[in-house]
Amino acid sequence: MTYDLVGIGIGPFNLGLACLADPLDEIDAVFLDTAPEFRWHPGMMLEGSTIQVPFLADLVTMADPTSRFSFLSFLKATGRLYPFYIRESFYPLRAEYDAYCRWAADQLDALRWGRHVEAVTYDPRDDTYVVHARCADGTTETYRARHVVLGTGTRPVVPTAAHGLDGPWLHSADYLPHREALREARSITVVGSGQSAAEIYRDLLEDVHDHAYRLDWVTRSPRFFPMEYTKLTLEMTSPEYTDHFHALPLELRQLLGREQRALYKGISGDLVDDIYDTLYRKSVERPVPTTLLTDTALVGAAWTGEEYVLRLRHDQLGEEYERRTERLVLATGYAATVPAFVDPVRHLLAFDELGRFAVGRDYAVDGDRRRVFVQNGEEHTHGVTAPDLGFGPWRSSTILAAITGREVYPIERRIAFQEFGVPAGAEPVGTRTDAGVGRR
């Protein structure tokens, strides 16, 4: 059998694509993932934590509000619609969002778990891609496809200073399984600037007196940036801004990518306030054994066998110094990579000068062929909409339109009130010759 679509990786974005493809008779699709089941950031499933987008940013609603896979359908099916309504919060609990995704996954016949994709090859005889997967029981399977959608997501980033570092350090992705062991240490240092770093610091801060450890938080940011959530800024998660960003030269996109991190990698304002309130509350009883270090970069680290010696640099002052800690948590984010399994078809794919996918505006990574697409691997080409859950259904709608040749789900082209580039009809300086305006 030749599938119209094989999706590799089943995170929220390819799961959303599977939901939107499910009712389409003209698409035979299958989705593969190494994991035995859907799990969404299990290492950060802290009790009471919420996702940072409203419930409308589910798998399907922004493409098809009538879909049976919507978050509201999940609430109704599980008897939680009225409690959610009474709660009066747009932001679902993180555990609730994970349960919702697992509920949707359980209704789909197109998902194949326990399939580790080892290679994607191309067969010119019938112009198809062949996906080679190893099953959990050691057997192998092949899937032929006219289109492939890469949804392998992002991988934890370890800063250069910690490459090859020995000892019991961990990335925030693995926090929860190691939390109890962390609490037994005499000192803990959290390194990172975003929501995960803040959530881990807040979680450990609650027990800082009971367990008698010193707790430090080190961030390169000059301050604890709250996520920018004003409405005109949110218009940057729009088709228009994505068009604008995609058309910019690489160097400018690189610069903007660094400047815009606070738009989606900052800390929720409520959490920043809660951390302060917790520090204040605990300081009434006795001094809190903690240090918060801003504008400070981790530039070196060594494991002595008992503790870490961290070399830190204060960027404003240009001064370096050392601090010691028994345990180290790197909440240093995630980044997209080019999966090794595409090596056999690299000659058919497009890459930029930094070795990343050169992702087309329609999310194709094979130029005009439009046969291979990527989900959440295009932050460097599409900007802040790449990791945004609410924009996922729009991207899936675009990919399905390319595959089917028709606009299955209406695709909005303009939703923003503002202009992000030079407005249409604007007259360049130097071309007008009417009264009062000279040519330059």
Protein backbone atom coordinates (compact mmCIF):
# COMPACT_ATOMS: atom_id res chain seq x y z
CA MET A 1 0.00 0.00 0.00
CA THR A 2 1.14 3.53 -0.75
CA TYR A 3 -0.03 6.13 1.74
CA ASP A 4 -0.83 9.67 0.77
CA LEU A 5 0.90 10.82 3.95
CA VAL A 6 3.29 9.34 6.48
CA GLY A 7 3.88 11.47 9.55
CA ILE A 8 7.04 10.84 11.55
CA GLY A 9 6.74 11.80 15.20
CA ILE A 10 3.49 12.16 17.15
CA GLY A 11 3.72 15.28 19.26
CA PRO A 12 0.87 17.79 19.50
CA PHE A 13 1.45 19.13 15.99
CA ASN A 14 1.44 15.85 14.07
CA LEU A 15 -1.32 14.60 16.37
CA GLY A 16 -3.35 17.65 15.34
CA LEU A 17 -2.59 16.89 11.69
CA ALA A 18 -3.77 13.32 12.21
CA CYS A 19 -7.03 14.60 13.74
CA LEU A 20 -7.64 16.97 10.84
CA ALA A 21 -6.79 14.30 8.25
CA ASP A 22 -8.99 11.66 9.88
CA PRO A 23 -12.33 12.69 8.32
CA LEU A 24 -10.86 13.18 4.81
CA ASP A 25 -11.72 10.32 2.47
CA GLU A 26 -9.07 11.33 -0.06
CA ILE A 27 -6.17 10.88 2.38
CA ASP A 28 -4.76 7.59 3.59
CA ALA A 29 -2.42 8.55 6.39
CA VAL A 30 -0.29 6.81 9.00
CA PHE A 31 1.78 8.34 11.81
CA LEU A 32 4.78 6.71 13.48
CA ASP A 33 6.47 7.32 16.82
CA THR A 34 9.15 5.57 18.86
CA ALA A 35 7.26 6.02 22.13
CA PRO A 36 4.77 3.39 23.33
CA GLU A 37 2.07 6.03 23.85
CA PHE A 38 1.46 9.77 23.81
CA ARG A 39 3.16 11.66 26.64
CA TRP A 40 3.58 15.44 26.66
CA HIS A 41 6.60 16.72 28.61
CA PRO A 42 6.16 14.15 31.40
CA GLY A 43 9.25 15.41 33.24
CA MET A 44 7.60 18.81 33.77
CA MET A 45 4.07 17.70 34.67
CA LEU A 46 4.07 19.72 37.88
CA GLU A 47 0.82 19.70 39.80
CA GLY A 48 -1.24 22.81 39.16
CA SER A 49 0.87 24.08 36.26
CA THR A 50 -1.04 25.36 33.25
CA ILE A 51 -0.24 25.61 29.58
CA GLN A 52 0.55 29.12 28.37
CA VAL A 53 -2.10 29.39 25.67
CA PRO A 54 -5.92 29.43 25.92
CA PHE A 55 -7.95 26.26 25.46
CA LEU A 56 -8.91 27.32 21.92
CA ALA A 57 -5.29 26.56 20.99
CA ASP A 58 -6.04 22.86 21.00
CA LEU A 59 -5.28 20.31 18.29
CA VAL A 60 -7.99 21.34 15.84
CA THR A 61 -10.28 24.22 16.82
CA MET A 62 -8.49 27.03 14.98
CA ALA A 63 -8.88 24.99 11.77
CA ASP A 64 -12.23 23.33 12.44
CA PRO A 65 -14.27 24.49 15.46
CA THR A 66 -16.78 21.68 14.78
CA SER A 67 -14.21 18.89 15.01
CA ARG A 68 -14.95 15.97 17.32
CA PHE A 69 -11.34 16.21 18.48
CA SER A 70 -11.67 19.64 20.12
CA PHE A 71 -10.76 20.30 23.75
CA LEU A 72 -14.39 21.13 24.51
CA SER A 73 -15.42 17.75 23.07
CA PHE A 74 -12.91 16.14 25.41
CA LEU A 75 -14.35 17.97 28.39
CA LYS A 76 -17.88 16.94 27.45
CA ALA A 77 -16.87 13.31 26.91
CA THR A 78 -15.12 13.15 30.28
CA GLY A 79 -17.77 15.00 32.28
CA ARG A 80 -15.58 18.02 32.93
CA LEU A 81 -17.23 20.67 30.77
CA TYR A 82 -19.22 22.33 33.55
CA PRO A 83 -16.38 22.31 36.10
CA PHE A 84 -14.12 23.92 33.46
CA TYR A 85 -16.83 26.50 32.75
CA ILE A 86 -17.23 27.34 36.44
CA ARG A 87 -13.45 27.56 36.90
CA GLU A 88 -13.46 30.60 34.55
CA SER A 89 -9.93 30.25 33.24
CA PHE A 90 -8.94 30.03 29.60
CA TYR A 91 -5.76 28.12 30.47
CA PRO A 92 -6.04 24.33 30.91
CA LEU A 93 -3.88 22.51 33.41
CA ARG A 94 -0.82 20.95 31.82
CA ALA A 95 -1.91 17.50 33.03
CA GLU A 96 -5.36 18.21 31.57
CA TYR A 97 -3.89 19.09 28.17
CA ASP A 98 -1.84 15.89 28.22
CA ALA A 99 -4.97 13.87 29.07
CA TYR A 100 -6.81 15.61 26.23
CA CYS A 101 -4.12 14.69 23.70
CA ARG A 102 -4.13 11.07 24.89
CA TRP A 103 -7.92 11.02 24.59
CA ALA A 104 -7.67 12.22 20.98
CA ALA A 105 -4.89 9.74 20.19
CA ASP A 106 -6.99 6.84 21.49
CA GLN A 107 -9.66 7.63 18.87
CA LEU A 108 -7.31 7.52 15.89
CA ASP A 109 -6.59 4.34 13.93
CA ALA A 110 -3.76 5.98 11.97
CA LEU A 111 -1.26 6.11 14.85
CA ARG A 112 1.49 3.48 15.13
CA TRP A 113 3.36 3.54 18.42
CA GLY A 114 6.64 1.74 19.13
CA ARG A 115 7.98 2.41 15.62
CA HIS A 116 11.46 3.90 15.54
CA VAL A 117 12.15 5.38 12.11
CA GLU A 118 15.68 4.49 11.04
CA ALA A 119 15.74 5.81 7.48
CA VAL A 120 13.72 7.50 4.77
CA THR A 121 14.67 6.57 1.22
CA TYR A 122 13.34 7.53 -2.19
CA ASP A 123 12.16 5.10 -4.86
CA PRO A 124 12.25 6.76 -8.31
CA ARG A 125 10.37 3.85 -9.89
CA ASP A 126 7.07 5.00 -8.47
CA ASP A 127 8.15 8.41 -7.15
CA THR A 128 7.53 7.54 -3.50
CA TYR A 129 9.33 7.87 -0.21
CA VAL A 130 9.94 4.69 1.75
CA VAL A 131 9.98 5.00 5.54
CA HIS A 132 11.92 2.22 7.29
CA ALA A 133 10.94 1.63 10.93
CA ARG A 134 12.06 -0.78 13.63
CA CYS A 135 9.30 -2.00 15.92
CA ALA A 136 9.56 -2.43 19.67
CA ASP A 137 9.72 -6.22 19.24
CA GLY A 138 12.75 -5.93 16.93
CA THR A 139 10.92 -6.53 13.67
CA THR A 140 11.04 -4.01 10.83
CA GLU A 141 8.32 -2.36 8.78
CA THR A 142 8.31 -0.18 5.67
CA TYR A 143 5.75 2.43 4.69
CA ARG A 144 5.55 3.90 1.22
CA ALA A 145 4.28 7.46 0.95
CA ARG A 146 3.68 10.21 -1.55
CA HIS A 147 4.19 12.81 1.18
CA VAL A 148 6.15 12.83 4.43
CA VAL A 149 5.58 15.22 7.34
CA LEU A 150 8.42 15.50 9.84
CA GLY A 151 7.05 16.17 13.30
CA THR A 152 9.96 14.93 15.39
CA GLY A 153 9.88 18.06 17.53
CA THR A 154 12.74 19.59 19.43
CA ARG A 155 15.52 18.17 21.61
CA PRO A 156 16.90 19.37 24.94
CA VAL A 157 19.71 21.90 24.61
CA VAL A 158 22.80 21.59 26.80
CA PRO A 159 24.99 24.72 26.98
CA THR A 160 28.53 24.45 25.66
CA ALA A 161 29.94 24.80 29.18
CA ALA A 162 28.24 21.54 30.18
CA HIS A 163 29.15 19.41 27.17
CA GLY A 164 30.71 16.18 28.38
CA LEU A 165 30.05 17.10 32.01
CA ASP A 166 30.14 14.22 34.49
CA GLY A 167 28.04 13.80 37.59
CA PRO A 168 24.28 13.77 38.33
CA TRP A 169 23.25 16.89 36.40
CA LEU A 170 19.95 16.77 34.58
CA HIS A 171 17.97 18.69 32.02
CA SER A 172 14.62 20.14 33.01
CA ALA A 173 12.96 17.60 30.69
CA ASP A 174 13.82 14.96 33.32
CA TYR A 175 13.03 16.99 36.42
CA LEU A 176 10.11 15.16 38.02
CA PRO A 177 11.67 11.67 38.18
CA HIS A 178 14.68 13.20 39.98
CA ARG A 179 12.91 15.70 42.24
CA GLU A 180 13.08 13.65 45.43
CA ALA A 181 16.79 12.95 44.96
CA LEU A 182 17.41 16.66 44.38
CA ARG A 183 15.72 17.53 47.66
CA GLU A 184 18.24 15.38 49.55
CA ALA A 185 21.17 17.52 48.37
CA ARG A 186 22.69 20.33 50.40
CA SER A 187 22.68 22.75 47.46
CA ILE A 188 20.93 22.98 44.09
CA THR A 189 21.53 25.36 41.19
CA VAL A 190 18.99 25.92 38.43
CA VAL A 191 20.36 27.41 35.21
CA GLY A 192 17.92 28.91 32.71
CA SER A 193 15.80 31.91 31.80
CA GLY A 194 12.36 30.66 30.83
CA GLN A 195 9.19 29.10 32.16
CA SER A 196 10.72 25.72 32.95
CA ALA A 197 13.51 27.26 35.02
CA ALA A 198 10.96 29.38 36.90
CA GLU A 199 8.64 26.44 37.55
CA ILE A 200 11.46 24.26 38.87
CA TYR A 201 12.81 27.06 41.06
CA ARG A 202 9.32 27.73 42.46
CA ASP A 203 8.74 24.02 43.08
CA LEU A 204 12.03 23.60 44.96
CA LEU A 205 11.60 26.89 46.78
CA GLU A 206 8.50 25.61 48.58
CA ASP A 207 10.56 23.01 50.47
CA VAL A 208 13.78 24.97 50.89
CA HIS A 209 13.39 25.26 54.68
CA ASP A 210 12.05 21.74 55.27
CA HIS A 211 14.95 20.09 53.44
CA ALA A 212 17.60 22.66 54.37
CA TYR A 213 19.25 23.08 50.99
CA ARG A 214 20.60 26.21 49.38
CA LEU A 215 18.80 27.04 46.15
CA ASP A 216 20.34 29.22 43.43
CA TRP A 217 18.90 30.41 40.14
CA VAL A 218 21.27 31.56 37.41
CA THR A 219 20.01 33.31 34.27
CA ARG A 220 21.80 35.04 31.40
CA SER A 221 18.87 37.41 31.00
CA PRO A 222 19.37 40.89 32.50
CA ARG A 223 16.13 40.39 34.41
CA PHE A 224 13.41 37.79 34.91
CA PHE A 225 11.51 38.52 31.72
CA PRO A 226 7.75 37.96 31.81
CA MET A 227 6.21 36.58 28.66
CA GLU A 228 4.85 39.37 26.46
CA TYR A 229 1.12 38.76 26.19
CA THR A 230 -0.36 42.09 25.11
CA LYS A 231 -2.82 41.84 22.26
CA LEU A 232 -1.00 43.74 19.54
CA THR A 233 2.11 41.70 20.29
CA LEU A 234 0.05 38.51 19.99
CA GLU A 235 -0.74 39.57 16.43
CA MET A 236 2.79 38.41 15.64
CA THR A 237 1.38 34.88 15.79
CA SER A 238 -0.39 35.60 12.52
CA PRO A 239 -0.11 34.65 8.85
CA GLU A 240 0.91 38.23 8.01
CA TYR A 241 3.82 38.32 10.42
CA THR A 242 4.90 34.85 9.31
CA ASP A 243 4.91 36.10 5.70
CA HIS A 244 6.97 39.12 6.76
CA PHE A 245 9.47 37.13 8.82
CA HIS A 246 9.91 34.43 6.17
CA ALA A 247 10.82 37.04 3.54
CA LEU A 248 13.60 38.61 5.64
CA PRO A 249 17.27 37.81 4.98
CA LEU A 250 18.83 35.11 7.15
CA GLU A 251 21.01 37.50 9.17
CA LEU A 252 18.02 39.62 10.17
CA ARG A 253 15.93 36.55 11.03
CA GLN A 254 18.77 35.35 13.26
CA LEU A 255 18.86 38.68 15.08
CA LEU A 256 15.09 38.87 15.49
CA GLY A 257 14.96 35.29 16.74
CA ARG A 258 17.21 36.23 19.65
CA GLU A 259 15.36 39.47 20.37
CA GLN A 260 11.92 37.86 20.33
CA ARG A 261 12.59 35.05 22.79
CA ALA A 262 10.64 36.82 25.54
CA LEU A 263 7.54 36.59 23.34
CA TYR A 264 7.28 32.83 23.87
CA LYS A 265 10.24 31.77 26.05
CA GLY A 266 9.64 34.20 28.88
CA ILE A 267 8.02 33.48 32.23
CA SER A 268 4.33 33.95 32.88
CA GLY A 269 3.75 37.13 34.84
CA ASP A 270 1.66 35.28 37.44
CA LEU A 271 4.53 32.89 38.12
CA VAL A 272 7.04 35.73 38.52
CA ASP A 273 4.73 37.32 41.08
CA ASP A 274 4.14 34.00 42.83
CA ILE A 275 7.88 33.43 43.19
CA TYR A 276 8.28 36.85 44.80
CA ASP A 277 5.33 36.26 47.10
CA THR A 278 6.75 32.88 48.13
CA LEU A 279 10.14 34.43 48.88
CA TYR A 280 8.44 37.13 50.92
CA ARG A 281 6.27 34.65 52.82
CA LYS A 282 9.20 32.38 53.67
CA SER A 283 11.45 35.29 54.66
CA VAL A 284 9.06 36.19 57.50
CA GLU A 285 9.95 32.97 59.27
CA ARG A 286 13.71 33.15 58.67
CA PRO A 287 16.17 34.09 55.88
CA VAL A 288 15.67 32.12 52.69
CA PRO A 289 18.85 30.29 51.63
CA THR A 290 18.70 31.31 47.99
CA THR A 291 20.52 33.50 45.48
CA LEU A 292 19.03 34.81 42.24
CA LEU A 293 21.71 35.77 39.73
CA THR A 294 20.74 37.74 36.61
CA ASP A 295 22.93 38.74 33.66
CA THR A 296 25.08 35.76 34.57
CA ALA A 297 26.29 33.12 32.12
CA LEU A 298 27.53 29.62 32.84
CA VAL A 299 30.92 29.56 31.10
CA GLY A 300 32.46 26.48 32.69
CA ALA A 301 31.65 23.53 34.93
CA ALA A 302 33.53 20.65 36.51
CA TRP A 303 32.41 17.70 38.66
CA THR A 304 34.71 16.92 41.60
CA GLY A 305 32.99 13.67 42.50
CA GLU A 306 30.97 15.33 45.24
CA GLU A 307 29.91 18.70 43.85
CA TYR A 308 30.03 20.96 40.82
CA VAL A 309 32.36 23.89 40.51
CA LEU A 310 30.54 26.38 38.29
CA ARG A 311 32.43 29.16 36.55
CA LEU A 312 30.09 32.10 36.06
CA ARG A 313 30.49 35.39 34.23
CA HIS A 314 28.57 38.56 35.00
CA ASP A 315 28.06 39.94 31.50
CA GLN A 316 27.56 43.58 32.50
CA LEU A 317 30.67 43.70 34.68
CA GLY A 318 32.74 41.27 32.63
CA GLU A 319 33.83 39.52 35.82
CA GLU A 320 34.13 35.77 36.32
CA TYR A 321 33.84 33.86 39.58
CA GLU A 322 33.11 30.38 40.93
CA ARG A 323 30.27 28.89 42.92
CA ARG A 324 29.86 25.34 44.19
CA THR A 325 26.72 23.24 44.17
CA GLU A 326 25.92 19.58 44.76
CA ARG A 327 23.21 19.32 42.13
CA LEU A 328 22.74 21.08 38.79
CA VAL A 329 19.52 21.47 36.79
CA LEU A 330 19.84 22.81 33.24
CA ALA A 331 16.56 24.41 32.20
CA THR A 332 18.21 25.57 29.00
CA GLY A 333 15.47 24.92 26.51
CA TYR A 334 15.02 22.93 23.34
CA ALA A 335 16.02 23.24 19.70
CA ALA A 336 15.05 21.63 16.44
CA THR A 337 17.54 19.38 14.67
CA VAL A 338 17.70 17.66 11.31
CA PRO A 339 16.98 13.98 12.05
CA ALA A 340 19.62 11.53 10.88
CA PHE A 341 17.03 9.30 9.23
CA VAL A 342 16.70 11.79 6.34
CA ASP A 343 20.35 11.34 5.33
CA PRO A 344 19.49 9.02 2.39
CA VAL A 345 17.28 11.75 0.87
CA ARG A 346 19.33 14.85 1.76
CA HIS A 347 19.94 15.47 -1.94
CA LEU A 348 16.18 15.98 -2.37
CA LEU A 349 15.84 18.42 0.52
CA ALA A 350 16.74 22.09 0.91
CA PHE A 351 19.12 23.40 3.58
CA ASP A 352 20.35 26.86 4.53
CA GLU A 353 23.96 27.88 4.95
CA LEU A 354 23.87 26.87 8.63
CA GLY A 355 22.81 23.31 7.79
CA ARG A 356 19.20 23.73 8.88
CA PHE A 357 16.13 22.96 6.81
CA ALA A 358 15.37 25.77 4.37
CA VAL A 359 11.65 25.64 5.05
CA GLY A 360 9.35 27.10 2.40
CA ARG A 361 6.47 29.37 3.30
CA ASP A 362 4.12 26.38 2.90
CA TYR A 363 6.35 24.33 5.26
CA ALA A 364 7.84 22.23 2.48
CA VAL A 365 11.52 21.36 2.83
CA ASP A 366 12.01 20.04 -0.69
CA GLY A 367 11.45 23.20 -2.71
CA ASP A 368 8.80 23.19 -5.38
CA ARG A 369 8.27 19.42 -5.15
CA ARG A 370 6.18 19.99 -2.00
CA ARG A 371 6.38 16.38 -0.92
CA VAL A 372 8.22 16.66 2.41
CA PHE A 373 7.01 19.04 5.12
CA VAL A 374 8.11 19.98 8.62
CA GLN A 375 6.20 20.82 11.80
CA ASN A 376 7.87 22.86 14.57
CA GLY A 377 11.26 22.76 12.94
CA GLU A 378 11.02 26.16 11.25
CA GLU A 379 11.49 28.75 13.97
CA HIS A 380 14.52 30.09 12.05
CA THR A 381 12.40 30.61 8.91
CA HIS A 382 8.90 31.32 10.25
CA GLY A 383 9.55 32.93 13.61
CA VAL A 384 7.35 32.85 16.68
CA THR A 385 4.51 30.88 15.06
CA ALA A 386 6.65 27.73 14.76
CA PRO A 387 6.30 26.53 18.40
CA ASP A 388 2.92 28.18 19.02
CA LEU A 389 0.22 25.60 19.79
CA GLY A 390 -2.51 27.92 18.57
CA PHE A 391 -0.92 28.25 15.14
CA GLY A 392 -0.49 24.49 14.71
CA PRO A 393 -3.93 23.92 13.13
CA TRP A 394 -3.24 26.74 10.62
CA ARG A 395 0.01 25.05 9.60
CA SER A 396 -1.70 21.65 9.37
CA SER A 397 -4.41 23.21 7.17
CA THR A 398 -1.70 24.58 4.88
CA ILE A 399 0.03 21.21 4.63
CA LEU A 400 -3.24 19.40 3.92
CA ALA A 401 -4.06 21.94 1.21
CA ALA A 402 -0.71 21.24 -0.45
CA ILE A 403 -1.27 17.47 -0.27
CA THR A 404 -4.89 17.42 -1.43
CA GLY A 405 -4.70 20.28 -3.90
CA ARG A 406 -7.65 21.99 -2.27
CA GLU A 407 -8.33 24.12 0.78
CA VAL A 408 -9.99 21.52 2.98
CA TYR A 409 -10.07 23.85 5.96
CA PRO A 410 -10.39 27.61 5.36
CA ILE A 411 -6.99 29.27 5.62
CA GLU A 412 -7.01 32.81 6.95
CA ARG A 413 -4.60 35.12 5.10
CA ARG A 414 -5.17 38.32 7.07
CA ILE A 415 -6.11 38.52 10.74
CA ALA A 416 -3.95 41.39 12.08
CA PHE A 417 -4.90 45.06 12.38
CA GLN A 418 -1.28 46.19 12.04
CA GLU A 419 1.20 46.12 9.16
CA PHE A 420 4.55 44.42 9.71
CA GLY A 421 6.36 45.73 6.66
CA VAL A 422 6.00 48.65 4.28
CA PRO A 423 2.24 49.02 3.69
CA ALA A 424 0.82 48.32 0.28
CA GLY A 425 0.63 51.44 -1.87
CA ALA A 426 3.33 53.28 0.07
CA GLU A 427 5.46 55.48 -2.17
CA PRO A 428 9.21 55.09 -1.67
CA VAL A 429 11.08 58.21 -0.62
CA GLY A 430 12.66 59.95 -3.59
CA THR A 431 9.99 59.18 -6.17
CA ARG A 432 7.46 61.94 -5.45
CA THR A 433 7.74 65.24 -7.30
CA ASP A 434 4.55 67.00 -6.15
CA ALA A 435 4.62 70.30 -4.23
CA GLY A 436 6.70 70.38 -1.09
CA VAL A 437 8.47 67.08 -1.70
CA GLY A 438 11.74 67.01 -3.57
CA ARG A 439 13.52 64.06 -5.14
CA ARG A 440 16.39 62.74 -3.03
